[in-house]
Amino acid sequence: MPPANQPYPGQPYQPPIPYEDSPEYPGNRPQAFQPQDAQQPSAPAVPQPPSAPQGFRARKLAELDQRYSDGELTMENYMAQRAEIMKG
């Protein structure tokens, strides 16, 4: 058996994966400077409220989800009622 830091014969070397809190982790590396004049789409800081009222089906599903989350419904009842709502 090869030492722990050596790959098995015939296997390519794979470097260890860094921890998320280490500077080597890809998400923690300093970002390259990006000029401000670059055309990048920017999302609004606060999402706009929906212009139309929420649909009947979406509202019923949200209410059903809340009842299930509160423990008022069993999984079987939840799935049966959800199927009825989805049928229309």
PDB file of N, CA and C in Angstrom:
ATOM      1  N   MET A   1       0.857  -1.174   0.000  1.00  0.00           N
ATOM      2  CA  MET A   1       0.000   0.000   0.000  1.00  0.00           C
ATOM      3  C   MET A   1       0.905   1.240   0.000  1.00  0.00           C
ATOM      4  N   PRO A   2       0.621   2.212  -0.880  1.00  0.00           N
ATOM      5  CA  PRO A   2       1.448   3.428  -0.909  1.00  0.00           C
ATOM      6  C   PRO A   2       1.169   4.308   0.305  1.00  0.00           C
ATOM      7  N   PRO A   3       2.088   5.216   0.622  1.00  0.00           N
ATOM      8  CA  PRO A   3       1.846   6.141   1.727  1.00  0.00           C
ATOM      9  C   PRO A   3       0.578   6.958   1.469  1.00  0.00           C
ATOM     10  N   ALA A   4       0.039   7.541   2.532  1.00  0.00           N
ATOM     11  CA  ALA A   4      -1.240   8.250   2.446  1.00  0.00           C
ATOM     12  C   ALA A   4      -1.203   9.421   1.461  1.00  0.00           C
ATOM     13  N   ASN A   5      -0.059  10.064   1.318  1.00  0.00           N
ATOM     14  CA  ASN A   5      -0.003  11.224   0.427  1.00  0.00           C
ATOM     15  C   ASN A   5       0.372  10.857  -1.001  1.00  0.00           C
ATOM     16  N   GLN A   6       0.464   9.572  -1.328  1.00  0.00           N
ATOM     17  CA  GLN A   6       0.819   9.127  -2.677  1.00  0.00           C
ATOM     18  C   GLN A   6      -0.371   8.413  -3.314  1.00  0.00           C
ATOM     19  N   PRO A   7      -0.622   8.668  -4.603  1.00  0.00           N
ATOM     20  CA  PRO A   7      -1.739   7.962  -5.248  1.00  0.00           C
ATOM     21  C   PRO A   7      -1.383   6.505  -5.495  1.00  0.00           C
ATOM     22  N   TYR A   8      -2.383   5.687  -5.720  1.00  0.00           N
ATOM     23  CA  TYR A   8      -2.150   4.302  -6.080  1.00  0.00           C
ATOM     24  C   TYR A   8      -1.469   4.261  -7.443  1.00  0.00           C
ATOM     25  N   PRO A   9      -0.674   3.250  -7.718  1.00  0.00           N
ATOM     26  CA  PRO A   9      -0.018   3.170  -9.024  1.00  0.00           C
ATOM     27  C   PRO A   9      -1.055   3.170 -10.155  1.00  0.00           C
ATOM     28  N   GLY A  10      -0.801   3.973 -11.172  1.00  0.00           N
ATOM     29  CA  GLY A  10      -1.693   4.075 -12.308  1.00  0.00           C
ATOM     30  C   GLY A  10      -2.810   5.089 -12.125  1.00  0.00           C
ATOM     31  N   GLN A  11      -2.941   5.689 -10.944  1.00  0.00           N
ATOM     32  CA  GLN A  11      -3.984   6.688 -10.706  1.00  0.00           C
ATOM     33  C   GLN A  11      -3.368   8.085 -10.790  1.00  0.00           C
ATOM     34  N   PRO A  12      -4.034   9.017 -11.457  1.00  0.00           N
ATOM     35  CA  PRO A  12      -3.496  10.376 -11.522  1.00  0.00           C
ATOM     36  C   PRO A  12      -3.586  11.060 -10.154  1.00  0.00           C
ATOM     37  N   TYR A  13      -2.683  11.982  -9.927  1.00  0.00           N
ATOM     38  CA  TYR A  13      -2.674  12.714  -8.662  1.00  0.00           C
ATOM     39  C   TYR A  13      -3.821  13.706  -8.646  1.00  0.00           C
ATOM     40  N   GLN A  14      -4.566  13.740  -7.554  1.00  0.00           N
ATOM     41  CA  GLN A  14      -5.617  14.728  -7.368  1.00  0.00           C
ATOM     42  C   GLN A  14      -5.286  15.514  -6.110  1.00  0.00           C
ATOM     43  N   PRO A  15      -5.106  16.824  -6.247  1.00  0.00           N
ATOM     44  CA  PRO A  15      -4.762  17.613  -5.063  1.00  0.00           C
ATOM     45  C   PRO A  15      -5.915  17.592  -4.064  1.00  0.00           C
ATOM     46  N   PRO A  16      -5.617  17.758  -2.792  1.00  0.00           N
ATOM     47  CA  PRO A  16      -6.686  17.747  -1.789  1.00  0.00           C
ATOM     48  C   PRO A  16      -7.632  18.933  -1.986  1.00  0.00           C
ATOM     49  N   ILE A  17      -8.880  18.737  -1.633  1.00  0.00           N
ATOM     50  CA  ILE A  17      -9.878  19.796  -1.754  1.00  0.00           C
ATOM     51  C   ILE A  17      -9.762  20.676  -0.524  1.00  0.00           C
ATOM     52  N   PRO A  18      -9.626  22.017  -0.716  1.00  0.00           N
ATOM     53  CA  PRO A  18      -9.474  22.898   0.455  1.00  0.00           C
ATOM     54  C   PRO A  18     -10.788  23.057   1.210  1.00  0.00           C
ATOM     55  N   TYR A  19     -10.676  23.344   2.508  1.00  0.00           N
ATOM     56  CA  TYR A  19     -11.851  23.624   3.322  1.00  0.00           C
ATOM     57  C   TYR A  19     -12.464  24.945   2.878  1.00  0.00           C
ATOM     58  N   GLU A  20     -13.785  25.105   3.140  1.00  0.00           N
ATOM     59  CA  GLU A  20     -14.476  26.318   2.708  1.00  0.00           C
ATOM     60  C   GLU A  20     -13.927  27.581   3.367  1.00  0.00           C
ATOM     61  N   ASP A  21     -13.380  27.466   4.566  1.00  0.00           N
ATOM     62  CA  ASP A  21     -12.899  28.661   5.248  1.00  0.00           C
ATOM     63  C   ASP A  21     -11.421  28.945   4.994  1.00  0.00           C
ATOM     64  N   SER A  22     -10.794  28.177   4.102  1.00  0.00           N
ATOM     65  CA  SER A  22      -9.389  28.426   3.813  1.00  0.00           C
ATOM     66  C   SER A  22      -9.250  29.395   2.643  1.00  0.00           C
ATOM     67  N   PRO A  23      -8.144  30.146   2.570  1.00  0.00           N
ATOM     68  CA  PRO A  23      -7.967  31.102   1.463  1.00  0.00           C
ATOM     69  C   PRO A  23      -7.829  30.412   0.108  1.00  0.00           C
ATOM     70  N   GLU A  24      -7.493  29.108   0.093  1.00  0.00           N
ATOM     71  CA  GLU A  24      -7.335  28.402  -1.172  1.00  0.00           C
ATOM     72  C   GLU A  24      -8.682  28.006  -1.784  1.00  0.00           C
ATOM     73  N   TYR A  25      -9.758  28.062  -0.993  1.00  0.00           N
ATOM     74  CA  TYR A  25     -11.076  27.676  -1.503  1.00  0.00           C
ATOM     75  C   TYR A  25     -11.482  28.630  -2.628  1.00  0.00           C
ATOM     76  N   PRO A  26     -11.981  28.091  -3.761  1.00  0.00           N
ATOM     77  CA  PRO A  26     -12.259  28.951  -4.919  1.00  0.00           C
ATOM     78  C   PRO A  26     -13.150  30.157  -4.613  1.00  0.00           C
ATOM     79  N   GLY A  27     -14.126  30.025  -3.751  1.00  0.00           N
ATOM     80  CA  GLY A  27     -15.007  31.152  -3.452  1.00  0.00           C
ATOM     81  C   GLY A  27     -14.353  32.208  -2.594  1.00  0.00           C
ATOM     82  N   ASN A  28     -13.219  31.894  -1.954  1.00  0.00           N
ATOM     83  CA  ASN A  28     -12.557  32.846  -1.063  1.00  0.00           C
ATOM     84  C   ASN A  28     -11.377  33.549  -1.718  1.00  0.00           C
ATOM     85  N   ARG A  29     -11.098  33.230  -2.962  1.00  0.00           N
ATOM     86  CA  ARG A  29      -9.975  33.891  -3.635  1.00  0.00           C
ATOM     87  C   ARG A  29     -10.358  35.332  -3.970  1.00  0.00           C
ATOM     88  N   PRO A  30      -9.386  36.250  -3.915  1.00  0.00           N
ATOM     89  CA  PRO A  30      -9.691  37.634  -4.284  1.00  0.00           C
ATOM     90  C   PRO A  30     -10.161  37.697  -5.732  1.00  0.00           C
ATOM     91  N   GLN A  31     -11.185  38.480  -5.968  1.00  0.00           N
ATOM     92  CA  GLN A  31     -11.735  38.616  -7.313  1.00  0.00           C
ATOM     93  C   GLN A  31     -10.867  39.582  -8.122  1.00  0.00           C
ATOM     94  N   ALA A  32     -10.751  39.279  -9.409  1.00  0.00           N
ATOM     95  CA  ALA A  32     -10.020  40.162 -10.302  1.00  0.00           C
ATOM     96  C   ALA A  32     -10.806  41.462 -10.452  1.00  0.00           C
ATOM     97  N   PHE A  33     -10.095  42.552 -10.649  1.00  0.00           N
ATOM     98  CA  PHE A  33     -10.738  43.848 -10.792  1.00  0.00           C
ATOM     99  C   PHE A  33     -11.572  43.873 -12.057  1.00  0.00           C
ATOM    100  N   GLN A  34     -12.799  44.323 -11.929  1.00  0.00           N
ATOM    101  CA  GLN A  34     -13.679  44.459 -13.082  1.00  0.00           C
ATOM    102  C   GLN A  34     -14.035  45.929 -13.220  1.00  0.00           C
ATOM    103  N   PRO A  35     -13.752  46.522 -14.384  1.00  0.00           N
ATOM    104  CA  PRO A  35     -14.057  47.942 -14.549  1.00  0.00           C
ATOM    105  C   PRO A  35     -15.560  48.204 -14.455  1.00  0.00           C
ATOM    106  N   GLN A  36     -15.906  49.386 -13.962  1.00  0.00           N
ATOM    107  CA  GLN A  36     -17.308  49.733 -13.778  1.00  0.00           C
ATOM    108  C   GLN A  36     -18.044  49.896 -15.102  1.00  0.00           C
ATOM    109  N   ASP A  37     -17.320  50.238 -16.177  1.00  0.00           N
ATOM    110  CA  ASP A  37     -17.997  50.468 -17.448  1.00  0.00           C
ATOM    111  C   ASP A  37     -18.322  49.170 -18.175  1.00  0.00           C
ATOM    112  N   ALA A  38     -17.977  48.029 -17.592  1.00  0.00           N
ATOM    113  CA  ALA A  38     -18.318  46.753 -18.218  1.00  0.00           C
ATOM    114  C   ALA A  38     -19.829  46.578 -18.165  1.00  0.00           C
ATOM    115  N   GLN A  39     -20.399  46.105 -19.236  1.00  0.00           N
ATOM    116  CA  GLN A  39     -21.848  45.945 -19.304  1.00  0.00           C
ATOM    117  C   GLN A  39     -22.248  44.648 -18.624  1.00  0.00           C
ATOM    118  N   GLN A  40     -22.590  44.744 -17.364  1.00  0.00           N
ATOM    119  CA  GLN A  40     -23.038  43.581 -16.614  1.00  0.00           C
ATOM    120  C   GLN A  40     -24.457  43.855 -16.141  1.00  0.00           C
ATOM    121  N   PRO A  41     -25.350  42.889 -16.353  1.00  0.00           N
ATOM    122  CA  PRO A  41     -26.711  43.119 -15.866  1.00  0.00           C
ATOM    123  C   PRO A  41     -26.709  43.156 -14.343  1.00  0.00           C
ATOM    124  N   SER A  42     -27.383  44.125 -13.789  1.00  0.00           N
ATOM    125  CA  SER A  42     -27.441  44.220 -12.338  1.00  0.00           C
ATOM    126  C   SER A  42     -28.883  44.055 -11.900  1.00  0.00           C
ATOM    127  N   ALA A  43     -29.059  43.205 -10.922  1.00  0.00           N
ATOM    128  CA  ALA A  43     -30.399  42.964 -10.393  1.00  0.00           C
ATOM    129  C   ALA A  43     -30.730  44.065  -9.398  1.00  0.00           C
ATOM    130  N   PRO A  44     -31.983  44.443  -9.297  1.00  0.00           N
ATOM    131  CA  PRO A  44     -32.339  45.457  -8.296  1.00  0.00           C
ATOM    132  C   PRO A  44     -32.084  44.920  -6.893  1.00  0.00           C
ATOM    133  N   ALA A  45     -31.711  45.795  -5.987  1.00  0.00           N
ATOM    134  CA  ALA A  45     -31.378  45.375  -4.638  1.00  0.00           C
ATOM    135  C   ALA A  45     -32.597  44.779  -3.938  1.00  0.00           C
ATOM    136  N   VAL A  46     -33.779  45.333  -4.184  1.00  0.00           N
ATOM    137  CA  VAL A  46     -35.004  44.838  -3.573  1.00  0.00           C
ATOM    138  C   VAL A  46     -35.909  44.342  -4.686  1.00  0.00           C
ATOM    139  N   PRO A  47     -36.374  43.109  -4.614  1.00  0.00           N
ATOM    140  CA  PRO A  47     -37.255  42.633  -5.679  1.00  0.00           C
ATOM    141  C   PRO A  47     -38.556  43.427  -5.699  1.00  0.00           C
ATOM    142  N   GLN A  48     -39.037  43.669  -6.885  1.00  0.00           N
ATOM    143  CA  GLN A  48     -40.274  44.415  -7.041  1.00  0.00           C
ATOM    144  C   GLN A  48     -41.450  43.535  -6.641  1.00  0.00           C
ATOM    145  N   PRO A  49     -42.476  44.106  -6.002  1.00  0.00           N
ATOM    146  CA  PRO A  49     -43.652  43.302  -5.674  1.00  0.00           C
ATOM    147  C   PRO A  49     -44.367  42.906  -6.963  1.00  0.00           C
ATOM    148  N   PRO A  50     -45.023  41.759  -6.968  1.00  0.00           N
ATOM    149  CA  PRO A  50     -45.698  41.343  -8.195  1.00  0.00           C
ATOM    150  C   PRO A  50     -46.765  42.362  -8.579  1.00  0.00           C
ATOM    151  N   SER A  51     -46.838  42.656  -9.868  1.00  0.00           N
ATOM    152  CA  SER A  51     -47.790  43.658 -10.324  1.00  0.00           C
ATOM    153  C   SER A  51     -49.206  43.107 -10.327  1.00  0.00           C
ATOM    154  N   ALA A  52     -49.347  41.803 -10.549  1.00  0.00           N
ATOM    155  CA  ALA A  52     -50.674  41.186 -10.546  1.00  0.00           C
ATOM    156  C   ALA A  52     -50.858  40.430  -9.239  1.00  0.00           C
ATOM    157  N   PRO A  53     -52.099  40.302  -8.780  1.00  0.00           N
ATOM    158  CA  PRO A  53     -52.314  39.520  -7.564  1.00  0.00           C
ATOM    159  C   PRO A  53     -51.912  38.069  -7.783  1.00  0.00           C
ATOM    160  N   GLN A  54     -51.536  37.428  -6.695  1.00  0.00           N
ATOM    161  CA  GLN A  54     -51.088  36.040  -6.783  1.00  0.00           C
ATOM    162  C   GLN A  54     -52.243  35.171  -7.273  1.00  0.00           C
ATOM    163  N   GLY A  55     -51.924  34.208  -8.132  1.00  0.00           N
ATOM    164  CA  GLY A  55     -52.943  33.346  -8.705  1.00  0.00           C
ATOM    165  C   GLY A  55     -53.626  32.465  -7.677  1.00  0.00           C
ATOM    166  N   PHE A  56     -54.830  32.026  -8.015  1.00  0.00           N
ATOM    167  CA  PHE A  56     -55.627  31.201  -7.121  1.00  0.00           C
ATOM    168  C   PHE A  56     -54.895  29.918  -6.752  1.00  0.00           C
ATOM    169  N   ARG A  57     -54.334  29.231  -7.762  1.00  0.00           N
ATOM    170  CA  ARG A  57     -53.657  27.959  -7.512  1.00  0.00           C
ATOM    171  C   ARG A  57     -52.433  28.167  -6.626  1.00  0.00           C
ATOM    172  N   ALA A  58     -51.656  29.189  -6.918  1.00  0.00           N
ATOM    173  CA  ALA A  58     -50.454  29.453  -6.124  1.00  0.00           C
ATOM    174  C   ALA A  58     -50.826  29.786  -4.687  1.00  0.00           C
ATOM    175  N   ARG A  59     -51.890  30.556  -4.515  1.00  0.00           N
ATOM    176  CA  ARG A  59     -52.321  30.923  -3.172  1.00  0.00           C
ATOM    177  C   ARG A  59     -52.794  29.686  -2.400  1.00  0.00           C
ATOM    178  N   LYS A  60     -53.577  28.830  -3.055  1.00  0.00           N
ATOM    179  CA  LYS A  60     -54.051  27.608  -2.404  1.00  0.00           C
ATOM    180  C   LYS A  60     -52.892  26.682  -2.043  1.00  0.00           C
ATOM    181  N   LEU A  61     -51.903  26.559  -2.941  1.00  0.00           N
ATOM    182  CA  LEU A  61     -50.738  25.721  -2.652  1.00  0.00           C
ATOM    183  C   LEU A  61     -49.941  26.282  -1.476  1.00  0.00           C
ATOM    184  N   ALA A  62     -49.817  27.607  -1.419  1.00  0.00           N
ATOM    185  CA  ALA A  62     -49.083  28.222  -0.312  1.00  0.00           C
ATOM    186  C   ALA A  62     -49.800  27.973   1.011  1.00  0.00           C
ATOM    187  N   GLU A  63     -51.120  28.088   0.997  1.00  0.00           N
ATOM    188  CA  GLU A  63     -51.884  27.816   2.220  1.00  0.00           C
ATOM    189  C   GLU A  63     -51.748  26.348   2.633  1.00  0.00           C
ATOM    190  N   LEU A  64     -51.813  25.456   1.652  1.00  0.00           N
ATOM    191  CA  LEU A  64     -51.671  24.029   1.937  1.00  0.00           C
ATOM    192  C   LEU A  64     -50.287  23.725   2.500  1.00  0.00           C
ATOM    193  N   ASP A  65     -49.255  24.307   1.889  1.00  0.00           N
ATOM    194  CA  ASP A  65     -47.886  24.106   2.383  1.00  0.00           C
ATOM    195  C   ASP A  65     -47.747  24.570   3.821  1.00  0.00           C
ATOM    196  N   GLN A  66     -48.371  25.717   4.129  1.00  0.00           N
ATOM    197  CA  GLN A  66     -48.287  26.233   5.493  1.00  0.00           C
ATOM    198  C   GLN A  66     -48.980  25.309   6.476  1.00  0.00           C
ATOM    199  N   ARG A  67     -50.140  24.790   6.109  1.00  0.00           N
ATOM    200  CA  ARG A  67     -50.852  23.853   6.983  1.00  0.00           C
ATOM    201  C   ARG A  67     -50.033  22.595   7.215  1.00  0.00           C
ATOM    202  N   TYR A  68     -49.359  22.105   6.160  1.00  0.00           N
ATOM    203  CA  TYR A  68     -48.513  20.916   6.315  1.00  0.00           C
ATOM    204  C   TYR A  68     -47.317  21.234   7.211  1.00  0.00           C
ATOM    205  N   SER A  69     -46.711  22.405   7.002  1.00  0.00           N
ATOM    206  CA  SER A  69     -45.557  22.800   7.818  1.00  0.00           C
ATOM    207  C   SER A  69     -45.933  22.947   9.286  1.00  0.00           C
ATOM    208  N   ASP A  70     -47.176  23.381   9.544  1.00  0.00           N
ATOM    209  CA  ASP A  70     -47.632  23.542  10.926  1.00  0.00           C
ATOM    210  C   ASP A  70     -48.032  22.220  11.569  1.00  0.00           C
ATOM    211  N   GLY A  71     -47.989  21.135  10.784  1.00  0.00           N
ATOM    212  CA  GLY A  71     -48.300  19.827  11.326  1.00  0.00           C
ATOM    213  C   GLY A  71     -49.782  19.510  11.359  1.00  0.00           C
ATOM    214  N   GLU A  72     -50.601  20.311  10.657  1.00  0.00           N
ATOM    215  CA  GLU A  72     -52.041  20.078  10.657  1.00  0.00           C
ATOM    216  C   GLU A  72     -52.437  18.943   9.713  1.00  0.00           C
ATOM    217  N   LEU A  73     -51.575  18.590   8.752  1.00  0.00           N
ATOM    218  CA  LEU A  73     -51.901  17.584   7.747  1.00  0.00           C
ATOM    219  C   LEU A  73     -50.877  16.463   7.763  1.00  0.00           C
ATOM    220  N   THR A  74     -51.338  15.262   7.464  1.00  0.00           N
ATOM    221  CA  THR A  74     -50.404  14.164   7.248  1.00  0.00           C
ATOM    222  C   THR A  74     -49.887  14.258   5.817  1.00  0.00           C
ATOM    223  N   MET A  75     -48.843  13.531   5.524  1.00  0.00           N
ATOM    224  CA  MET A  75     -48.280  13.532   4.176  1.00  0.00           C
ATOM    225  C   MET A  75     -49.320  13.063   3.158  1.00  0.00           C
ATOM    226  N   GLU A  76     -50.093  12.032   3.522  1.00  0.00           N
ATOM    227  CA  GLU A  76     -51.098  11.507   2.595  1.00  0.00           C
ATOM    228  C   GLU A  76     -52.160  12.554   2.287  1.00  0.00           C
ATOM    229  N   ASN A  77     -52.664  13.231   3.329  1.00  0.00           N
ATOM    230  CA  ASN A  77     -53.668  14.276   3.117  1.00  0.00           C
ATOM    231  C   ASN A  77     -53.087  15.432   2.315  1.00  0.00           C
ATOM    232  N   TYR A  78     -51.854  15.807   2.623  1.00  0.00           N
ATOM    233  CA  TYR A  78     -51.201  16.884   1.898  1.00  0.00           C
ATOM    234  C   TYR A  78     -51.119  16.557   0.410  1.00  0.00           C
ATOM    235  N   MET A  79     -50.652  15.346   0.082  1.00  0.00           N
ATOM    236  CA  MET A  79     -50.491  14.975  -1.327  1.00  0.00           C
ATOM    237  C   MET A  79     -51.842  14.886  -2.031  1.00  0.00           C
ATOM    238  N   ALA A  80     -52.869  14.383  -1.343  1.00  0.00           N
ATOM    239  CA  ALA A  80     -54.195  14.287  -1.958  1.00  0.00           C
ATOM    240  C   ALA A  80     -54.764  15.681  -2.241  1.00  0.00           C
ATOM    241  N   GLN A  81     -54.656  16.575  -1.267  1.00  0.00           N
ATOM    242  CA  GLN A  81     -55.177  17.932  -1.468  1.00  0.00           C
ATOM    243  C   GLN A  81     -54.372  18.682  -2.523  1.00  0.00           C
ATOM    244  N   ARG A  82     -53.076  18.446  -2.559  1.00  0.00           N
ATOM    245  CA  ARG A  82     -52.237  19.100  -3.568  1.00  0.00           C
ATOM    246  C   ARG A  82     -52.629  18.642  -4.972  1.00  0.00           C
ATOM    247  N   ALA A  83     -52.898  17.358  -5.103  1.00  0.00           N
ATOM    248  CA  ALA A  83     -53.314  16.826  -6.410  1.00  0.00           C
ATOM    249  C   ALA A  83     -54.629  17.452  -6.846  1.00  0.00           C
ATOM    250  N   GLU A  84     -55.565  17.644  -5.902  1.00  0.00           N
ATOM    251  CA  GLU A  84     -56.849  18.269  -6.237  1.00  0.00           C
ATOM    252  C   GLU A  84     -56.649  19.712  -6.686  1.00  0.00           C
ATOM    253  N   ILE A  85     -55.787  20.435  -5.995  1.00  0.00           N
ATOM    254  CA  ILE A  85     -55.514  21.829  -6.371  1.00  0.00           C
ATOM    255  C   ILE A  85     -54.883  21.895  -7.754  1.00  0.00           C
ATOM    256  N   MET A  86     -53.946  20.995  -8.017  1.00  0.00           N
ATOM    257  CA  MET A  86     -53.256  21.009  -9.311  1.00  0.00           C
ATOM    258  C   MET A  86     -54.206  20.632 -10.462  1.00  0.00           C
ATOM    259  N   LYS A  87     -55.213  19.819 -10.171  1.00  0.00           N
ATOM    260  CA  LYS A  87     -56.193  19.452 -11.212  1.00  0.00           C
ATOM    261  C   LYS A  87     -57.019  20.672 -11.615  1.00  0.00           C
ATOM    262  N   GLY A  88     -57.218  21.568 -10.667  1.00  0.00           N
ATOM    263  CA  GLY A  88     -57.992  22.767 -10.985  1.00  0.00           C
ATOM    264  C   GLY A  88     -59.336  22.590 -10.507  1.00  0.00           C
TER     265      GLY A  88
END
